[in-house]
Amino acid sequence: MTVTILFGGTNKERLVSVASAQALHRALPGAELWFWDVDDTVHAVTSEQLLGHARPFEVDFRPPGHGIALDQALDKASAEQRVLVLGLHGGRAENGELQAMCEMRGVAFTGSGSASSHLAFDKPSAKRFAAIAGINAPQGISVEQIDDAFAKHGKLIAKPAKDGSSYGLIFVNAQQDLVAVRNA
């Protein structure tokens, strides 16, 4: 069994993923490193390449050389009985798609399975299911209710219904901020 940290991804949260992979690699120094690039290829990278990337939140990580297609990398992970430690955030890496691809191939991975990942990624649906389970969740409002909510509260924080935890976050402090929320 080979432990492999998979990081990067095809969405805007890949920068956060690089920082997560750096932390994971410090905790798991013997793990191999695979970077999932925006062109849907996976690259084997070295510890020096990952840990040497000094500004992960500001500068894209660019591995040298050519990678292999994501499907081929997952087939390889299956054949080699790898365990993928998912250091990924947002998009296809968090919405259940990657998890389903791993499950179909019998690839072991960390985190939730495809069904729960898919459900949790959709914030309104996740809140409904939490309520069914008796869990209290903060009240949310839809874009259609935003004018009334802003008038009542004066300040709001808007998040996309289906995206990562911080990207797309908009602080609504003034009436003109509502335009940004509607256009997001």
C-alpha atoms as a PDB file:
ATOM      1  CA  MET A   1       0.000   0.000   0.000  1.00  0.00           C
ATOM      2  CA  THR A   2       1.339   3.396  -1.038  1.00  0.00           C
ATOM      3  CA  VAL A   3       0.008   6.544   0.593  1.00  0.00           C
ATOM      4  CA  THR A   4      -0.323   9.342  -1.959  1.00  0.00           C
ATOM      5  CA  ILE A   5      -1.368  12.923  -1.286  1.00  0.00           C
ATOM      6  CA  LEU A   6      -3.510  14.181  -4.175  1.00  0.00           C
ATOM      7  CA  PHE A   7      -3.729  17.956  -4.326  1.00  0.00           C
ATOM      8  CA  GLY A   8      -4.454  20.776  -6.766  1.00  0.00           C
ATOM      9  CA  GLY A   9      -7.625  20.447  -8.802  1.00  0.00           C
ATOM     10  CA  THR A  10      -9.286  22.195 -11.681  1.00  0.00           C
ATOM     11  CA  ASN A  11     -11.062  24.978  -9.806  1.00  0.00           C
ATOM     12  CA  LYS A  12     -10.043  28.239  -8.159  1.00  0.00           C
ATOM     13  CA  GLU A  13      -9.468  26.557  -4.786  1.00  0.00           C
ATOM     14  CA  ARG A  14      -6.384  24.732  -6.074  1.00  0.00           C
ATOM     15  CA  LEU A  15      -4.232  27.430  -4.417  1.00  0.00           C
ATOM     16  CA  VAL A  16      -5.677  26.529  -1.012  1.00  0.00           C
ATOM     17  CA  SER A  17      -5.105  22.872  -1.875  1.00  0.00           C
ATOM     18  CA  VAL A  18      -1.376  23.426  -2.347  1.00  0.00           C
ATOM     19  CA  ALA A  19      -1.124  24.910   1.151  1.00  0.00           C
ATOM     20  CA  SER A  20      -3.131  21.959   2.526  1.00  0.00           C
ATOM     21  CA  ALA A  21      -0.811  19.515   0.746  1.00  0.00           C
ATOM     22  CA  GLN A  22       2.225  21.219   2.262  1.00  0.00           C
ATOM     23  CA  ALA A  23       0.760  20.703   5.741  1.00  0.00           C
ATOM     24  CA  LEU A  24      -0.250  17.118   4.957  1.00  0.00           C
ATOM     25  CA  HIS A  25       3.189  16.329   3.601  1.00  0.00           C
ATOM     26  CA  ARG A  26       4.854  17.664   6.729  1.00  0.00           C
ATOM     27  CA  ALA A  27       2.633  15.284   8.731  1.00  0.00           C
ATOM     28  CA  LEU A  28       3.112  12.393   6.257  1.00  0.00           C
ATOM     29  CA  PRO A  29       6.664  12.867   4.943  1.00  0.00           C
ATOM     30  CA  GLY A  30       6.778   9.370   3.451  1.00  0.00           C
ATOM     31  CA  ALA A  31       3.724   9.939   1.258  1.00  0.00           C
ATOM     32  CA  GLU A  32       4.081  10.287  -2.491  1.00  0.00           C
ATOM     33  CA  LEU A  33       2.756  13.477  -4.057  1.00  0.00           C
ATOM     34  CA  TRP A  34       0.427  13.813  -7.025  1.00  0.00           C
ATOM     35  CA  PHE A  35      -0.639  17.207  -8.338  1.00  0.00           C
ATOM     36  CA  TRP A  36      -3.936  17.420 -10.266  1.00  0.00           C
ATOM     37  CA  ASP A  37      -3.448  20.265 -12.741  1.00  0.00           C
ATOM     38  CA  VAL A  38      -6.080  22.527 -14.315  1.00  0.00           C
ATOM     39  CA  ASP A  39      -5.759  20.668 -17.636  1.00  0.00           C
ATOM     40  CA  ASP A  40      -7.025  17.495 -15.889  1.00  0.00           C
ATOM     41  CA  THR A  41      -3.610  15.843 -15.801  1.00  0.00           C
ATOM     42  CA  VAL A  42      -1.881  14.415 -12.745  1.00  0.00           C
ATOM     43  CA  HIS A  43       1.833  14.968 -12.129  1.00  0.00           C
ATOM     44  CA  ALA A  44       4.130  13.168  -9.701  1.00  0.00           C
ATOM     45  CA  VAL A  45       6.022  15.881  -7.824  1.00  0.00           C
ATOM     46  CA  THR A  46       8.841  15.846  -5.317  1.00  0.00           C
ATOM     47  CA  SER A  47       8.844  16.976  -1.729  1.00  0.00           C
ATOM     48  CA  GLU A  48      11.263  19.743  -2.664  1.00  0.00           C
ATOM     49  CA  GLN A  49       8.942  21.031  -5.400  1.00  0.00           C
ATOM     50  CA  LEU A  50       5.934  21.136  -3.087  1.00  0.00           C
ATOM     51  CA  LEU A  51       7.597  22.459   0.051  1.00  0.00           C
ATOM     52  CA  GLY A  52       9.696  24.897  -1.986  1.00  0.00           C
ATOM     53  CA  HIS A  53       6.579  26.639  -3.284  1.00  0.00           C
ATOM     54  CA  ALA A  54       6.700  29.653  -0.968  1.00  0.00           C
ATOM     55  CA  ARG A  55       3.460  31.501  -1.811  1.00  0.00           C
ATOM     56  CA  PRO A  56       0.721  28.904  -2.349  1.00  0.00           C
ATOM     57  CA  PHE A  57      -2.171  31.341  -1.821  1.00  0.00           C
ATOM     58  CA  GLU A  58      -0.821  33.811  -4.366  1.00  0.00           C
ATOM     59  CA  VAL A  59       1.085  31.936  -7.066  1.00  0.00           C
ATOM     60  CA  ASP A  60      -0.091  28.905  -9.047  1.00  0.00           C
ATOM     61  CA  PHE A  61       1.900  25.736  -8.471  1.00  0.00           C
ATOM     62  CA  ARG A  62       3.322  24.638 -11.839  1.00  0.00           C
ATOM     63  CA  PRO A  63       4.943  21.191 -11.926  1.00  0.00           C
ATOM     64  CA  PRO A  64       7.557  20.499 -14.580  1.00  0.00           C
ATOM     65  CA  GLY A  65       7.010  17.965 -17.338  1.00  0.00           C
ATOM     66  CA  HIS A  66       3.919  16.257 -18.627  1.00  0.00           C
ATOM     67  CA  GLY A  67       1.367  14.481 -16.495  1.00  0.00           C
ATOM     68  CA  ILE A  68      -1.080  11.714 -17.250  1.00  0.00           C
ATOM     69  CA  ALA A  69      -4.848  12.063 -17.577  1.00  0.00           C
ATOM     70  CA  LEU A  70      -6.807  11.955 -14.321  1.00  0.00           C
ATOM     71  CA  ASP A  71      -8.548   8.729 -15.406  1.00  0.00           C
ATOM     72  CA  GLN A  72      -5.175   7.088 -16.048  1.00  0.00           C
ATOM     73  CA  ALA A  73      -3.834   8.271 -12.689  1.00  0.00           C
ATOM     74  CA  LEU A  74      -6.828   6.783 -10.881  1.00  0.00           C
ATOM     75  CA  ASP A  75      -6.422   3.523 -12.807  1.00  0.00           C
ATOM     76  CA  LYS A  76      -2.769   3.501 -11.718  1.00  0.00           C
ATOM     77  CA  ALA A  77      -3.810   4.177  -8.108  1.00  0.00           C
ATOM     78  CA  SER A  78      -6.146   1.193  -8.299  1.00  0.00           C
ATOM     79  CA  ALA A  79      -3.570  -1.146  -9.853  1.00  0.00           C
ATOM     80  CA  GLU A  80      -0.948  -0.128  -7.285  1.00  0.00           C
ATOM     81  CA  GLN A  81      -3.403  -0.252  -4.359  1.00  0.00           C
ATOM     82  CA  ARG A  82      -2.682   3.325  -3.375  1.00  0.00           C
ATOM     83  CA  VAL A  83      -4.550   5.167  -0.645  1.00  0.00           C
ATOM     84  CA  LEU A  84      -5.263   8.716  -1.754  1.00  0.00           C
ATOM     85  CA  VAL A  85      -5.107  11.357   0.941  1.00  0.00           C
ATOM     86  CA  LEU A  86      -7.297  14.053  -0.563  1.00  0.00           C
ATOM     87  CA  GLY A  87      -5.777  17.463   0.025  1.00  0.00           C
ATOM     88  CA  LEU A  88      -8.332  19.028  -2.287  1.00  0.00           C
ATOM     89  CA  HIS A  89     -10.935  21.771  -1.982  1.00  0.00           C
ATOM     90  CA  GLY A  90     -14.031  22.739  -3.955  1.00  0.00           C
ATOM     91  CA  GLY A  91     -15.372  21.854  -7.372  1.00  0.00           C
ATOM     92  CA  ARG A  92     -15.048  18.318  -8.719  1.00  0.00           C
ATOM     93  CA  ALA A  93     -12.697  17.483  -5.858  1.00  0.00           C
ATOM     94  CA  GLU A  94     -15.322  18.152  -3.209  1.00  0.00           C
ATOM     95  CA  ASN A  95     -18.708  17.723  -4.913  1.00  0.00           C
ATOM     96  CA  GLY A  96     -18.585  13.920  -5.077  1.00  0.00           C
ATOM     97  CA  GLU A  97     -17.333  13.544  -8.648  1.00  0.00           C
ATOM     98  CA  LEU A  98     -13.753  12.571  -7.781  1.00  0.00           C
ATOM     99  CA  GLN A  99     -14.994  10.376  -4.950  1.00  0.00           C
ATOM    100  CA  ALA A 100     -17.300   8.517  -7.382  1.00  0.00           C
ATOM    101  CA  MET A 101     -14.415   8.041  -9.809  1.00  0.00           C
ATOM    102  CA  CYS A 102     -12.358   6.510  -6.984  1.00  0.00           C
ATOM    103  CA  GLU A 103     -15.235   4.328  -5.756  1.00  0.00           C
ATOM    104  CA  MET A 104     -15.843   2.953  -9.268  1.00  0.00           C
ATOM    105  CA  ARG A 105     -12.198   1.838  -9.419  1.00  0.00           C
ATOM    106  CA  GLY A 106     -11.965   0.563  -5.841  1.00  0.00           C
ATOM    107  CA  VAL A 107      -9.406   3.242  -4.930  1.00  0.00           C
ATOM    108  CA  ALA A 108      -9.233   3.907  -1.188  1.00  0.00           C
ATOM    109  CA  PHE A 109      -9.357   7.591  -0.255  1.00  0.00           C
ATOM    110  CA  THR A 110      -9.754   9.800   2.780  1.00  0.00           C
ATOM    111  CA  GLY A 111     -12.879  11.773   3.506  1.00  0.00           C
ATOM    112  CA  SER A 112     -16.533  11.234   2.781  1.00  0.00           C
ATOM    113  CA  GLY A 113     -17.900   9.080  -0.003  1.00  0.00           C
ATOM    114  CA  SER A 114     -19.433  10.393  -3.213  1.00  0.00           C
ATOM    115  CA  ALA A 115     -23.054  10.565  -2.039  1.00  0.00           C
ATOM    116  CA  SER A 116     -22.363  12.458   1.181  1.00  0.00           C
ATOM    117  CA  SER A 117     -19.826  14.717  -0.557  1.00  0.00           C
ATOM    118  CA  HIS A 118     -22.388  15.575  -3.219  1.00  0.00           C
ATOM    119  CA  LEU A 119     -25.042  16.338  -0.621  1.00  0.00           C
ATOM    120  CA  ALA A 120     -22.755  18.382   1.640  1.00  0.00           C
ATOM    121  CA  PHE A 121     -21.484  20.483  -1.283  1.00  0.00           C
ATOM    122  CA  ASP A 122     -24.994  21.849  -1.897  1.00  0.00           C
ATOM    123  CA  LYS A 123     -25.431  24.123   1.127  1.00  0.00           C
ATOM    124  CA  PRO A 124     -29.260  24.468   1.021  1.00  0.00           C
ATOM    125  CA  SER A 125     -29.727  20.704   0.655  1.00  0.00           C
ATOM    126  CA  ALA A 126     -27.214  19.991   3.411  1.00  0.00           C
ATOM    127  CA  LYS A 127     -29.111  22.331   5.737  1.00  0.00           C
ATOM    128  CA  ARG A 128     -32.415  20.599   4.953  1.00  0.00           C
ATOM    129  CA  PHE A 129     -30.948  17.177   5.718  1.00  0.00           C
ATOM    130  CA  ALA A 130     -29.311  18.489   8.894  1.00  0.00           C
ATOM    131  CA  ALA A 131     -32.705  19.777  10.024  1.00  0.00           C
ATOM    132  CA  ILE A 132     -34.306  16.384   9.301  1.00  0.00           C
ATOM    133  CA  ALA A 133     -31.621  14.831  11.523  1.00  0.00           C
ATOM    134  CA  GLY A 134     -32.475  17.303  14.295  1.00  0.00           C
ATOM    135  CA  ILE A 135     -29.339  19.411  13.887  1.00  0.00           C
ATOM    136  CA  ASN A 136     -29.727  23.168  14.168  1.00  0.00           C
ATOM    137  CA  ALA A 137     -28.028  25.092  11.381  1.00  0.00           C
ATOM    138  CA  PRO A 138     -27.804  28.857  10.910  1.00  0.00           C
ATOM    139  CA  GLN A 139     -30.689  30.256   8.935  1.00  0.00           C
ATOM    140  CA  GLY A 140     -29.917  31.076   5.336  1.00  0.00           C
ATOM    141  CA  ILE A 141     -31.674  33.230   2.798  1.00  0.00           C
ATOM    142  CA  SER A 142     -31.947  33.009  -0.948  1.00  0.00           C
ATOM    143  CA  VAL A 143     -30.924  35.746  -3.366  1.00  0.00           C
ATOM    144  CA  GLU A 144     -34.626  36.505  -3.855  1.00  0.00           C
ATOM    145  CA  GLN A 145     -34.866  37.474  -0.151  1.00  0.00           C
ATOM    146  CA  ILE A 146     -31.657  39.496   0.026  1.00  0.00           C
ATOM    147  CA  ASP A 147     -33.194  42.994  -0.083  1.00  0.00           C
ATOM    148  CA  ASP A 148     -35.451  42.283   2.892  1.00  0.00           C
ATOM    149  CA  ALA A 149     -32.633  40.599   4.816  1.00  0.00           C
ATOM    150  CA  PHE A 150     -30.277  43.523   4.186  1.00  0.00           C
ATOM    151  CA  ALA A 151     -32.933  46.001   5.329  1.00  0.00           C
ATOM    152  CA  LYS A 152     -33.496  43.956   8.501  1.00  0.00           C
ATOM    153  CA  HIS A 153     -29.862  43.176   9.414  1.00  0.00           C
ATOM    154  CA  GLY A 154     -27.818  45.937   7.745  1.00  0.00           C
ATOM    155  CA  LYS A 155     -24.932  43.563   6.999  1.00  0.00           C
ATOM    156  CA  LEU A 156     -24.813  40.131   5.380  1.00  0.00           C
ATOM    157  CA  ILE A 157     -22.312  37.549   4.238  1.00  0.00           C
ATOM    158  CA  ALA A 158     -23.201  35.919   0.927  1.00  0.00           C
ATOM    159  CA  LYS A 159     -21.815  32.541  -0.130  1.00  0.00           C
ATOM    160  CA  PRO A 160     -22.436  30.551  -3.308  1.00  0.00           C
ATOM    161  CA  ALA A 161     -24.830  27.655  -2.750  1.00  0.00           C
ATOM    162  CA  LYS A 162     -22.493  25.197  -4.497  1.00  0.00           C
ATOM    163  CA  ASP A 163     -18.874  26.204  -4.114  1.00  0.00           C
ATOM    164  CA  GLY A 164     -16.069  26.038  -1.614  1.00  0.00           C
ATOM    165  CA  SER A 165     -16.011  27.579   1.802  1.00  0.00           C
ATOM    166  CA  SER A 166     -14.325  30.904   1.101  1.00  0.00           C
ATOM    167  CA  TYR A 167     -14.212  31.575  -2.640  1.00  0.00           C
ATOM    168  CA  GLY A 168     -17.126  33.663  -3.790  1.00  0.00           C
ATOM    169  CA  LEU A 169     -17.687  34.995  -0.283  1.00  0.00           C
ATOM    170  CA  ILE A 170     -19.118  38.535  -0.437  1.00  0.00           C
ATOM    171  CA  PHE A 171     -19.453  40.875   2.523  1.00  0.00           C
ATOM    172  CA  VAL A 172     -22.590  42.950   2.015  1.00  0.00           C
ATOM    173  CA  ASN A 173     -22.085  46.218   3.875  1.00  0.00           C
ATOM    174  CA  ALA A 174     -23.868  48.611   1.534  1.00  0.00           C
ATOM    175  CA  GLN A 175     -26.732  48.584  -0.972  1.00  0.00           C
ATOM    176  CA  GLN A 176     -24.315  48.532  -3.927  1.00  0.00           C
ATOM    177  CA  ASP A 177     -22.855  45.221  -2.658  1.00  0.00           C
ATOM    178  CA  LEU A 178     -26.179  43.595  -3.475  1.00  0.00           C
ATOM    179  CA  VAL A 179     -25.374  43.967  -7.185  1.00  0.00           C
ATOM    180  CA  ALA A 180     -22.242  41.844  -6.741  1.00  0.00           C
ATOM    181  CA  VAL A 181     -24.263  39.168  -4.975  1.00  0.00           C
ATOM    182  CA  ARG A 182     -26.845  39.037  -7.759  1.00  0.00           C
ATOM    183  CA  ASN A 183     -24.102  38.825 -10.413  1.00  0.00           C
ATOM    184  CA  ALA A 184     -22.145  36.075  -8.632  1.00  0.00           C
END
